[in-house]
Amino acid sequence: MEIINEPEIKELDSQTVAYVSFVGNYVGNSLVFKELFDKLCGWAGPKQSIGPDTIFLSSYQDDPNITPPDKMRLEVCMTIKDDVEVKGDINKKQLPGGKYVVMRAELTGAEEYGPAWNKVVEWMTQNNHEIDMTRPSYEIYVNNPEEHPEKHHILDICMSVK
């Protein structure tokens, strides 16, 4: 794991997203994420909704240290224009913005996601910031690991702050 930008407090804008939901233990289960991204992209591709400005992200609704694994809620999202219509398994909503701790990291694989999140939590603790569980936390994906020469994952970890 390489930390590209040390954690810092940023104000994130709210954004309209299309998303697919999952409830259950997704921790360390890359198959869950693959299936959700395949479903979302399978819907968006034919609609030509994926453009150069499209942002892909995962939205986490629960604290895995408190919520039982089988009850954890995950949404895999992509930004869309406000007038895009959705149906079936694809939902639409406004993701809240607000104050977040943001850290950019380059991970060599799925096993490094947990340690990267822990780095953000450590930074928050050391700097006397408290997690705001009324808003989700996010992983904003900066690249497609399949297109990286070494299959690395580059992402912004965004944890909501009170």
Protein backbone atom coordinates (compact mmCIF):
# COMPACT_ATOMS: atom_id res chain seq x y z
CA MET A 1 0.00 0.00 0.00
CA GLU A 2 1.24 3.45 -0.91
CA ILE A 3 -0.33 6.56 0.58
CA ILE A 4 -0.38 9.12 -2.25
CA ASN A 5 -1.95 11.95 -0.22
CA GLU A 6 -1.95 12.04 3.57
CA PRO A 7 -5.44 12.32 5.11
CA GLU A 8 -6.94 15.81 5.10
CA ILE A 9 -10.32 17.36 5.81
CA LYS A 10 -12.27 18.29 2.66
CA GLU A 11 -15.78 19.48 1.91
CA LEU A 12 -17.39 17.07 -0.59
CA ASP A 13 -20.34 18.06 -2.76
CA SER A 14 -23.52 16.02 -2.82
CA GLN A 15 -24.02 14.11 -6.07
CA THR A 16 -26.73 12.26 -7.95
CA VAL A 17 -25.92 8.57 -8.41
CA ALA A 18 -27.34 5.41 -9.86
CA TYR A 19 -26.63 2.48 -7.58
CA VAL A 20 -27.14 -1.18 -6.77
CA SER A 21 -27.45 -2.37 -3.17
CA PHE A 22 -26.14 -5.31 -1.21
CA VAL A 23 -26.86 -6.36 2.37
CA GLY A 24 -24.48 -8.86 3.97
CA ASN A 25 -20.83 -9.50 4.61
CA TYR A 26 -18.92 -7.87 1.77
CA VAL A 27 -15.62 -7.45 3.67
CA GLY A 28 -12.80 -9.05 1.67
CA ASN A 29 -15.30 -10.46 -0.84
CA SER A 30 -14.23 -9.07 -4.20
CA LEU A 31 -16.86 -11.24 -5.95
CA VAL A 32 -19.67 -9.17 -4.36
CA PHE A 33 -18.12 -5.97 -5.73
CA LYS A 34 -17.54 -7.52 -9.18
CA GLU A 35 -21.17 -8.65 -9.42
CA LEU A 36 -22.48 -5.23 -8.33
CA PHE A 37 -20.21 -3.34 -10.74
CA ASP A 38 -21.12 -5.74 -13.58
CA LYS A 39 -24.83 -5.14 -12.91
CA LEU A 40 -24.41 -1.34 -12.74
CA CYS A 41 -22.20 -1.14 -15.84
CA GLY A 42 -24.47 -3.59 -17.68
CA TRP A 43 -27.30 -1.09 -17.16
CA ALA A 44 -25.22 2.04 -17.88
CA GLY A 45 -23.30 0.79 -20.94
CA PRO A 46 -26.26 0.44 -23.36
CA LYS A 47 -27.63 3.80 -22.15
CA GLN A 48 -24.23 5.39 -22.91
CA SER A 49 -24.27 6.80 -19.37
CA ILE A 50 -20.56 6.23 -18.75
CA GLY A 51 -18.45 9.19 -19.80
CA PRO A 52 -15.05 10.70 -18.98
CA ASP A 53 -16.56 12.58 -16.02
CA THR A 54 -18.36 9.56 -14.54
CA ILE A 55 -17.22 8.76 -11.01
CA PHE A 56 -17.53 5.22 -9.64
CA LEU A 57 -17.68 4.74 -5.89
CA SER A 58 -18.81 2.47 -3.09
CA SER A 59 -20.96 3.90 -0.32
CA TYR A 60 -20.81 2.27 3.10
CA GLN A 61 -23.79 2.81 5.40
CA ASP A 62 -22.57 1.00 8.53
CA ASP A 63 -19.60 0.73 10.90
CA PRO A 64 -18.26 -2.85 10.54
CA ASN A 65 -17.10 -2.70 14.18
CA ILE A 66 -20.71 -2.29 15.35
CA THR A 67 -23.03 -3.73 12.69
CA PRO A 68 -23.26 -7.54 12.43
CA PRO A 69 -21.65 -8.72 9.15
CA ASP A 70 -24.91 -10.12 7.75
CA LYS A 71 -26.63 -6.71 8.23
CA MET A 72 -23.98 -4.44 6.66
CA ARG A 73 -25.25 -2.26 3.78
CA LEU A 74 -23.21 -1.46 0.67
CA GLU A 75 -24.13 0.56 -2.40
CA VAL A 76 -22.00 0.50 -5.55
CA CYS A 77 -22.63 3.80 -7.34
CA MET A 78 -21.85 5.87 -10.39
CA THR A 79 -22.54 9.55 -10.86
CA ILE A 80 -25.32 10.38 -13.33
CA LYS A 81 -27.14 13.45 -14.61
CA ASP A 82 -30.22 14.39 -12.57
CA ASP A 83 -32.63 13.55 -15.43
CA VAL A 84 -31.42 9.95 -15.99
CA GLU A 85 -34.20 7.41 -15.35
CA VAL A 86 -33.54 4.12 -13.58
CA LYS A 87 -35.54 0.90 -13.20
CA GLY A 88 -35.35 -2.64 -11.87
CA ASP A 89 -32.36 -3.31 -9.61
CA ILE A 90 -30.88 0.09 -10.43
CA ASN A 91 -31.82 2.83 -7.97
CA LYS A 92 -31.15 6.56 -7.92
CA LYS A 93 -30.52 8.99 -5.08
CA GLN A 94 -28.63 12.05 -3.92
CA LEU A 95 -25.50 11.10 -1.97
CA PRO A 96 -24.89 13.62 0.81
CA GLY A 97 -21.86 15.85 0.77
CA GLY A 98 -20.29 17.46 3.81
CA LYS A 99 -17.08 17.32 5.79
CA TYR A 100 -14.90 14.24 5.11
CA VAL A 101 -11.41 13.01 5.85
CA VAL A 102 -9.99 12.09 2.43
CA MET A 103 -6.89 9.98 1.79
CA ARG A 104 -5.68 8.82 -1.63
CA ALA A 105 -3.98 5.44 -1.71
CA GLU A 106 -2.60 3.01 -4.26
CA LEU A 107 -3.31 -0.57 -3.26
CA THR A 108 -1.76 -3.68 -4.77
CA GLY A 109 -4.91 -5.74 -4.19
CA ALA A 110 -8.17 -6.24 -2.32
CA GLU A 111 -6.37 -7.35 0.87
CA GLU A 112 -5.04 -3.80 1.37
CA TYR A 113 -8.45 -2.09 1.61
CA GLY A 114 -8.88 -2.85 5.33
CA PRO A 115 -5.42 -1.56 6.33
CA ALA A 116 -5.99 1.59 4.24
CA TRP A 117 -9.28 2.30 6.04
CA ASN A 118 -7.50 1.68 9.37
CA LYS A 119 -4.94 4.38 8.45
CA VAL A 120 -7.78 6.90 8.03
CA VAL A 121 -9.33 5.87 11.37
CA GLU A 122 -5.92 6.18 13.10
CA TRP A 123 -5.44 9.67 11.63
CA MET A 124 -8.91 10.71 12.80
CA THR A 125 -8.21 9.43 16.32
CA GLN A 126 -4.80 11.17 16.49
CA ASN A 127 -6.38 14.44 15.30
CA ASN A 128 -9.43 14.25 17.60
CA HIS A 129 -12.01 13.88 14.81
CA GLU A 130 -15.16 11.85 15.28
CA ILE A 131 -16.90 9.73 12.60
CA ASP A 132 -20.34 11.00 11.61
CA MET A 133 -22.43 7.85 11.21
CA THR A 134 -25.45 9.86 9.97
CA ARG A 135 -23.70 10.04 6.54
CA PRO A 136 -22.11 7.21 4.59
CA SER A 137 -18.38 6.89 4.02
CA TYR A 138 -17.07 6.33 0.49
CA GLU A 139 -14.39 4.79 -1.65
CA ILE A 140 -14.04 6.88 -4.80
CA TYR A 141 -12.27 4.90 -7.51
CA VAL A 142 -9.70 6.92 -9.43
CA ASN A 143 -8.76 4.16 -11.85
CA ASN A 144 -9.88 0.82 -13.23
CA PRO A 145 -7.42 -1.75 -11.78
CA GLU A 146 -7.82 -3.88 -14.93
CA GLU A 147 -6.25 -1.03 -16.93
CA HIS A 148 -3.32 -0.49 -14.51
CA PRO A 149 -0.07 -2.20 -15.68
CA GLU A 150 0.27 -3.89 -12.27
CA LYS A 151 -3.51 -4.13 -11.56
CA HIS A 152 -3.19 -1.61 -8.69
CA HIS A 153 -6.28 0.07 -7.23
CA ILE A 154 -6.05 3.87 -6.87
CA LEU A 155 -8.79 5.35 -4.72
CA ASP A 156 -9.84 8.08 -2.34
CA ILE A 157 -11.05 6.84 1.03
CA CYS A 158 -13.58 9.35 2.35
CA MET A 159 -14.79 9.05 5.94
CA SER A 160 -17.54 11.37 7.18
CA VAL A 161 -16.55 13.68 10.02
CA LYS A 162 -18.68 15.41 12.68
